[in-house]
Amino acid sequence: SPVADPKSKGVICGLTLDTSEKYLALLYLATIQGIAYGTRHIVEHCNAHGHKVLIFDQGFQRVTRYMIGCL
């Protein structure tokens, strides 16, 4: 991470006891978005400092346009 701080902490606000499929899907989406934006932050930082970044995707069977848009 460009802003490495071993003492930093994260939080998920607004959690409830709801276990519906819709709520869990939204929580999953928020998690994926957080990972994508974090990755984008790292890639942009590296590019700004003259490093060429190549992204290889092995975890998804299919990459959606939405996921590419986040990066």
PDB file of N, CA and C in Angstrom:
ATOM      1  N   SER A   1       0.828  -1.183   0.000  1.00  0.00           N
ATOM      2  CA  SER A   1       0.000   0.000   0.000  1.00  0.00           C
ATOM      3  C   SER A   1       0.874   1.249   0.000  1.00  0.00           C
ATOM      4  N   PRO A   2       0.508   2.247  -0.778  1.00  0.00           N
ATOM      5  CA  PRO A   2       1.270   3.496  -0.776  1.00  0.00           C
ATOM      6  C   PRO A   2       1.248   4.211   0.570  1.00  0.00           C
ATOM      7  N   VAL A   3       0.235   3.958   1.355  1.00  0.00           N
ATOM      8  CA  VAL A   3       0.114   4.599   2.663  1.00  0.00           C
ATOM      9  C   VAL A   3       0.185   3.496   3.718  1.00  0.00           C
ATOM     10  N   ALA A   4       1.345   2.888   3.838  1.00  0.00           N
ATOM     11  CA  ALA A   4       1.504   1.774   4.770  1.00  0.00           C
ATOM     12  C   ALA A   4       1.592   2.295   6.200  1.00  0.00           C
ATOM     13  N   ASP A   5       0.686   1.846   7.025  1.00  0.00           N
ATOM     14  CA  ASP A   5       0.681   2.214   8.432  1.00  0.00           C
ATOM     15  C   ASP A   5       0.221   0.993   9.219  1.00  0.00           C
ATOM     16  N   PRO A   6       1.132   0.313   9.906  1.00  0.00           N
ATOM     17  CA  PRO A   6       0.756  -0.900  10.623  1.00  0.00           C
ATOM     18  C   PRO A   6      -0.241  -0.659  11.753  1.00  0.00           C
ATOM     19  N   LYS A   7      -0.411   0.585  12.156  1.00  0.00           N
ATOM     20  CA  LYS A   7      -1.358   0.886  13.235  1.00  0.00           C
ATOM     21  C   LYS A   7      -2.722   1.340  12.713  1.00  0.00           C
ATOM     22  N   SER A   8      -2.862   1.435  11.393  1.00  0.00           N
ATOM     23  CA  SER A   8      -4.143   1.883  10.841  1.00  0.00           C
ATOM     24  C   SER A   8      -5.206   0.805  11.039  1.00  0.00           C
ATOM     25  N   LYS A   9      -6.449   1.243  11.105  1.00  0.00           N
ATOM     26  CA  LYS A   9      -7.566   0.330  11.330  1.00  0.00           C
ATOM     27  C   LYS A   9      -8.673   0.626  10.334  1.00  0.00           C
ATOM     28  N   GLY A  10      -9.476  -0.356  10.075  1.00  0.00           N
ATOM     29  CA  GLY A  10     -10.619  -0.185   9.189  1.00  0.00           C
ATOM     30  C   GLY A  10     -11.906  -0.438   9.947  1.00  0.00           C
ATOM     31  N   VAL A  11     -13.000  -0.031   9.361  1.00  0.00           N
ATOM     32  CA  VAL A  11     -14.295  -0.201  10.003  1.00  0.00           C
ATOM     33  C   VAL A  11     -15.370  -0.373   8.931  1.00  0.00           C
ATOM     34  N   ILE A  12     -16.379  -1.139   9.256  1.00  0.00           N
ATOM     35  CA  ILE A  12     -17.565  -1.244   8.412  1.00  0.00           C
ATOM     36  C   ILE A  12     -18.705  -0.647   9.220  1.00  0.00           C
ATOM     37  N   CYS A  13     -19.236   0.472   8.753  1.00  0.00           N
ATOM     38  CA  CYS A  13     -20.315   1.168   9.465  1.00  0.00           C
ATOM     39  C   CYS A  13     -21.673   0.666   9.006  1.00  0.00           C
ATOM     40  N   GLY A  14     -22.626   0.692   9.894  1.00  0.00           N
ATOM     41  CA  GLY A  14     -24.003   0.403   9.535  1.00  0.00           C
ATOM     42  C   GLY A  14     -24.383  -1.061   9.512  1.00  0.00           C
ATOM     43  N   LEU A  15     -23.574  -1.929  10.107  1.00  0.00           N
ATOM     44  CA  LEU A  15     -23.924  -3.349  10.131  1.00  0.00           C
ATOM     45  C   LEU A  15     -25.161  -3.572  10.991  1.00  0.00           C
ATOM     46  N   THR A  16     -25.996  -4.482  10.551  1.00  0.00           N
ATOM     47  CA  THR A  16     -27.195  -4.844  11.308  1.00  0.00           C
ATOM     48  C   THR A  16     -27.210  -6.353  11.492  1.00  0.00           C
ATOM     49  N   LEU A  17     -28.245  -6.844  12.127  1.00  0.00           N
ATOM     50  CA  LEU A  17     -28.396  -8.290  12.303  1.00  0.00           C
ATOM     51  C   LEU A  17     -29.146  -8.929  11.133  1.00  0.00           C
ATOM     52  N   ASP A  18     -29.436  -8.145  10.114  1.00  0.00           N
ATOM     53  CA  ASP A  18     -30.137  -8.637   8.928  1.00  0.00           C
ATOM     54  C   ASP A  18     -29.290  -9.695   8.227  1.00  0.00           C
ATOM     55  N   THR A  19     -29.884 -10.832   7.942  1.00  0.00           N
ATOM     56  CA  THR A  19     -29.170 -11.900   7.234  1.00  0.00           C
ATOM     57  C   THR A  19     -29.862 -12.250   5.917  1.00  0.00           C
ATOM     58  N   SER A  20     -30.661 -11.311   5.406  1.00  0.00           N
ATOM     59  CA  SER A  20     -31.353 -11.586   4.145  1.00  0.00           C
ATOM     60  C   SER A  20     -30.344 -11.677   3.000  1.00  0.00           C
ATOM     61  N   GLU A  21     -30.759 -12.329   1.951  1.00  0.00           N
ATOM     62  CA  GLU A  21     -29.892 -12.499   0.785  1.00  0.00           C
ATOM     63  C   GLU A  21     -29.514 -11.141   0.185  1.00  0.00           C
ATOM     64  N   LYS A  22     -30.473 -10.214   0.131  1.00  0.00           N
ATOM     65  CA  LYS A  22     -30.211  -8.890  -0.430  1.00  0.00           C
ATOM     66  C   LYS A  22     -29.163  -8.148   0.397  1.00  0.00           C
ATOM     67  N   TYR A  23     -29.299  -8.179   1.713  1.00  0.00           N
ATOM     68  CA  TYR A  23     -28.355  -7.476   2.583  1.00  0.00           C
ATOM     69  C   TYR A  23     -26.950  -8.062   2.456  1.00  0.00           C
ATOM     70  N   LEU A  24     -26.852  -9.384   2.456  1.00  0.00           N
ATOM     71  CA  LEU A  24     -25.541 -10.025   2.334  1.00  0.00           C
ATOM     72  C   LEU A  24     -24.919  -9.757   0.967  1.00  0.00           C
ATOM     73  N   ALA A  25     -25.749  -9.684  -0.073  1.00  0.00           N
ATOM     74  CA  ALA A  25     -25.235  -9.357  -1.408  1.00  0.00           C
ATOM     75  C   ALA A  25     -24.682  -7.932  -1.434  1.00  0.00           C
ATOM     76  N   LEU A  26     -25.361  -6.994  -0.773  1.00  0.00           N
ATOM     77  CA  LEU A  26     -24.868  -5.614  -0.711  1.00  0.00           C
ATOM     78  C   LEU A  26     -23.572  -5.527   0.082  1.00  0.00           C
ATOM     79  N   LEU A  27     -23.471  -6.290   1.153  1.00  0.00           N
ATOM     80  CA  LEU A  27     -22.244  -6.311   1.943  1.00  0.00           C
ATOM     81  C   LEU A  27     -21.091  -6.896   1.123  1.00  0.00           C
ATOM     82  N   TYR A  28     -21.375  -7.938   0.357  1.00  0.00           N
ATOM     83  CA  TYR A  28     -20.373  -8.535  -0.523  1.00  0.00           C
ATOM     84  C   TYR A  28     -19.929  -7.522  -1.578  1.00  0.00           C
ATOM     85  N   LEU A  29     -20.893  -6.813  -2.179  1.00  0.00           N
ATOM     86  CA  LEU A  29     -20.574  -5.798  -3.180  1.00  0.00           C
ATOM     87  C   LEU A  29     -19.676  -4.717  -2.585  1.00  0.00           C
ATOM     88  N   ALA A  30     -19.995  -4.261  -1.385  1.00  0.00           N
ATOM     89  CA  ALA A  30     -19.178  -3.230  -0.736  1.00  0.00           C
ATOM     90  C   ALA A  30     -17.759  -3.731  -0.493  1.00  0.00           C
ATOM     91  N   THR A  31     -17.616  -4.993  -0.136  1.00  0.00           N
ATOM     92  CA  THR A  31     -16.294  -5.574   0.088  1.00  0.00           C
ATOM     93  C   THR A  31     -15.489  -5.609  -1.210  1.00  0.00           C
ATOM     94  N   ILE A  32     -16.120  -6.064  -2.282  1.00  0.00           N
ATOM     95  CA  ILE A  32     -15.456  -6.124  -3.586  1.00  0.00           C
ATOM     96  C   ILE A  32     -15.066  -4.721  -4.053  1.00  0.00           C
ATOM     97  N   GLN A  33     -15.947  -3.746  -3.846  1.00  0.00           N
ATOM     98  CA  GLN A  33     -15.628  -2.368  -4.229  1.00  0.00           C
ATOM     99  C   GLN A  33     -14.431  -1.848  -3.437  1.00  0.00           C
ATOM    100  N   GLY A  34     -14.391  -2.140  -2.151  1.00  0.00           N
ATOM    101  CA  GLY A  34     -13.264  -1.703  -1.327  1.00  0.00           C
ATOM    102  C   GLY A  34     -11.945  -2.279  -1.812  1.00  0.00           C
ATOM    103  N   ILE A  35     -11.959  -3.551  -2.159  1.00  0.00           N
ATOM    104  CA  ILE A  35     -10.748  -4.195  -2.676  1.00  0.00           C
ATOM    105  C   ILE A  35     -10.347  -3.565  -4.013  1.00  0.00           C
ATOM    106  N   ALA A  36     -11.334  -3.335  -4.888  1.00  0.00           N
ATOM    107  CA  ALA A  36     -11.045  -2.754  -6.207  1.00  0.00           C
ATOM    108  C   ALA A  36     -10.482  -1.341  -6.082  1.00  0.00           C
ATOM    109  N   TYR A  37     -11.079  -0.517  -5.222  1.00  0.00           N
ATOM    110  CA  TYR A  37     -10.585   0.853  -5.067  1.00  0.00           C
ATOM    111  C   TYR A  37      -9.213   0.877  -4.399  1.00  0.00           C
ATOM    112  N   GLY A  38      -8.971  -0.040  -3.484  1.00  0.00           N
ATOM    113  CA  GLY A  38      -7.639  -0.136  -2.879  1.00  0.00           C
ATOM    114  C   GLY A  38      -6.588  -0.523  -3.904  1.00  0.00           C
ATOM    115  N   THR A  39      -6.934  -1.469  -4.766  1.00  0.00           N
ATOM    116  CA  THR A  39      -6.020  -1.886  -5.833  1.00  0.00           C
ATOM    117  C   THR A  39      -5.761  -0.734  -6.793  1.00  0.00           C
ATOM    118  N   ARG A  40      -6.831  -0.013  -7.140  1.00  0.00           N
ATOM    119  CA  ARG A  40      -6.674   1.139  -8.030  1.00  0.00           C
ATOM    120  C   ARG A  40      -5.753   2.193  -7.422  1.00  0.00           C
ATOM    121  N   HIS A  41      -5.870   2.431  -6.132  1.00  0.00           N
ATOM    122  CA  HIS A  41      -5.012   3.400  -5.446  1.00  0.00           C
ATOM    123  C   HIS A  41      -3.547   2.987  -5.568  1.00  0.00           C
ATOM    124  N   ILE A  42      -3.261   1.721  -5.371  1.00  0.00           N
ATOM    125  CA  ILE A  42      -1.890   1.221  -5.472  1.00  0.00           C
ATOM    126  C   ILE A  42      -1.367   1.367  -6.901  1.00  0.00           C
ATOM    127  N   VAL A  43      -2.178   0.974  -7.890  1.00  0.00           N
ATOM    128  CA  VAL A  43      -1.760   1.051  -9.292  1.00  0.00           C
ATOM    129  C   VAL A  43      -1.509   2.502  -9.704  1.00  0.00           C
ATOM    130  N   GLU A  44      -2.406   3.410  -9.333  1.00  0.00           N
ATOM    131  CA  GLU A  44      -2.220   4.823  -9.684  1.00  0.00           C
ATOM    132  C   GLU A  44      -0.966   5.397  -9.034  1.00  0.00           C
ATOM    133  N   HIS A  45      -0.703   5.026  -7.806  1.00  0.00           N
ATOM    134  CA  HIS A  45       0.495   5.505  -7.110  1.00  0.00           C
ATOM    135  C   HIS A  45       1.756   4.997  -7.818  1.00  0.00           C
ATOM    136  N   CYS A  46       1.761   3.727  -8.171  1.00  0.00           N
ATOM    137  CA  CYS A  46       2.924   3.159  -8.864  1.00  0.00           C
ATOM    138  C   CYS A  46       3.123   3.818 -10.224  1.00  0.00           C
ATOM    139  N   ASN A  47       2.039   4.008 -10.976  1.00  0.00           N
ATOM    140  CA  ASN A  47       2.137   4.659 -12.286  1.00  0.00           C
ATOM    141  C   ASN A  47       2.655   6.087 -12.160  1.00  0.00           C
ATOM    142  N   ALA A  48       2.226   6.803 -11.141  1.00  0.00           N
ATOM    143  CA  ALA A  48       2.660   8.187 -10.943  1.00  0.00           C
ATOM    144  C   ALA A  48       4.145   8.279 -10.622  1.00  0.00           C
ATOM    145  N   HIS A  49       4.710   7.185 -10.124  1.00  0.00           N
ATOM    146  CA  HIS A  49       6.126   7.176  -9.768  1.00  0.00           C
ATOM    147  C   HIS A  49       6.977   6.400 -10.776  1.00  0.00           C
ATOM    148  N   GLY A  50       6.444   6.235 -12.005  1.00  0.00           N
ATOM    149  CA  GLY A  50       7.225   5.673 -13.097  1.00  0.00           C
ATOM    150  C   GLY A  50       7.300   4.165 -13.172  1.00  0.00           C
ATOM    151  N   HIS A  51       6.473   3.468 -12.415  1.00  0.00           N
ATOM    152  CA  HIS A  51       6.478   2.004 -12.468  1.00  0.00           C
ATOM    153  C   HIS A  51       5.382   1.526 -13.413  1.00  0.00           C
ATOM    154  N   LYS A  52       5.700   0.545 -14.227  1.00  0.00           N
ATOM    155  CA  LYS A  52       4.710  -0.040 -15.117  1.00  0.00           C
ATOM    156  C   LYS A  52       4.039  -1.197 -14.384  1.00  0.00           C
ATOM    157  N   VAL A  53       2.730  -1.154 -14.298  1.00  0.00           N
ATOM    158  CA  VAL A  53       1.988  -2.168 -13.555  1.00  0.00           C
ATOM    159  C   VAL A  53       1.212  -3.045 -14.528  1.00  0.00           C
ATOM    160  N   LEU A  54       1.397  -4.337 -14.420  1.00  0.00           N
ATOM    161  CA  LEU A  54       0.637  -5.309 -15.196  1.00  0.00           C
ATOM    162  C   LEU A  54      -0.279  -6.048 -14.239  1.00  0.00           C
ATOM    163  N   ILE A  55      -1.536  -6.188 -14.618  1.00  0.00           N
ATOM    164  CA  ILE A  55      -2.501  -6.883 -13.766  1.00  0.00           C
ATOM    165  C   ILE A  55      -2.854  -8.207 -14.432  1.00  0.00           C
ATOM    166  N   PHE A  56      -2.621  -9.297 -13.727  1.00  0.00           N
ATOM    167  CA  PHE A  56      -2.986 -10.626 -14.189  1.00  0.00           C
ATOM    168  C   PHE A  56      -4.114 -11.131 -13.309  1.00  0.00           C
ATOM    169  N   ASP A  57      -5.174 -11.578 -13.920  1.00  0.00           N
ATOM    170  CA  ASP A  57      -6.351 -12.025 -13.183  1.00  0.00           C
ATOM    171  C   ASP A  57      -6.449 -13.539 -13.260  1.00  0.00           C
ATOM    172  N   GLN A  58      -6.343 -14.192 -12.135  1.00  0.00           N
ATOM    173  CA  GLN A  58      -6.464 -15.645 -12.084  1.00  0.00           C
ATOM    174  C   GLN A  58      -7.630 -16.094 -11.213  1.00  0.00           C
ATOM    175  N   GLY A  59      -8.235 -15.175 -10.477  1.00  0.00           N
ATOM    176  CA  GLY A  59      -9.249 -15.563  -9.509  1.00  0.00           C
ATOM    177  C   GLY A  59     -10.661 -15.621 -10.042  1.00  0.00           C
ATOM    178  N   PHE A  60     -10.949 -14.910 -11.117  1.00  0.00           N
ATOM    179  CA  PHE A  60     -12.305 -14.867 -11.634  1.00  0.00           C
ATOM    180  C   PHE A  60     -12.389 -15.648 -12.936  1.00  0.00           C
ATOM    181  N   GLN A  61     -13.471 -16.360 -13.105  1.00  0.00           N
ATOM    182  CA  GLN A  61     -13.686 -17.065 -14.360  1.00  0.00           C
ATOM    183  C   GLN A  61     -14.058 -16.084 -15.455  1.00  0.00           C
ATOM    184  N   ARG A  62     -14.630 -14.967 -15.034  1.00  0.00           N
ATOM    185  CA  ARG A  62     -15.108 -13.981 -15.988  1.00  0.00           C
ATOM    186  C   ARG A  62     -14.973 -12.602 -15.353  1.00  0.00           C
ATOM    187  N   VAL A  63     -14.416 -11.677 -16.069  1.00  0.00           N
ATOM    188  CA  VAL A  63     -14.271 -10.319 -15.560  1.00  0.00           C
ATOM    189  C   VAL A  63     -15.392  -9.475 -16.148  1.00  0.00           C
ATOM    190  N   THR A  64     -16.196  -8.873 -15.290  1.00  0.00           N
ATOM    191  CA  THR A  64     -17.314  -8.072 -15.765  1.00  0.00           C
ATOM    192  C   THR A  64     -16.866  -6.648 -16.072  1.00  0.00           C
ATOM    193  N   ARG A  65     -17.653  -5.951 -16.861  1.00  0.00           N
ATOM    194  CA  ARG A  65     -17.352  -4.553 -17.169  1.00  0.00           C
ATOM    195  C   ARG A  65     -17.344  -3.719 -15.897  1.00  0.00           C
ATOM    196  N   TYR A  66     -18.185  -4.070 -14.935  1.00  0.00           N
ATOM    197  CA  TYR A  66     -18.237  -3.316 -13.684  1.00  0.00           C
ATOM    198  C   TYR A  66     -16.900  -3.397 -12.955  1.00  0.00           C
ATOM    199  N   MET A  67     -16.325  -4.581 -12.898  1.00  0.00           N
ATOM    200  CA  MET A  67     -15.057  -4.759 -12.195  1.00  0.00           C
ATOM    201  C   MET A  67     -13.943  -3.996 -12.896  1.00  0.00           C
ATOM    202  N   ILE A  68     -13.923  -4.013 -14.215  1.00  0.00           N
ATOM    203  CA  ILE A  68     -12.918  -3.268 -14.966  1.00  0.00           C
ATOM    204  C   ILE A  68     -13.096  -1.773 -14.715  1.00  0.00           C
ATOM    205  N   GLY A  69     -14.343  -1.311 -14.625  1.00  0.00           N
ATOM    206  CA  GLY A  69     -14.614   0.097 -14.370  1.00  0.00           C
ATOM    207  C   GLY A  69     -14.095   0.555 -13.022  1.00  0.00           C
ATOM    208  N   CYS A  70     -14.112  -0.318 -12.028  1.00  0.00           N
ATOM    209  CA  CYS A  70     -13.599   0.038 -10.701  1.00  0.00           C
ATOM    210  C   CYS A  70     -12.095   0.232 -10.734  1.00  0.00           C
ATOM    211  N   LEU A  71     -11.400  -0.559 -11.556  1.00  0.00           N
ATOM    212  CA  LEU A  71      -9.949  -0.429 -11.635  1.00  0.00           C
ATOM    213  C   LEU A  71      -9.592   0.734 -12.506  1.00  0.00           C
TER     214      LEU A  71
END
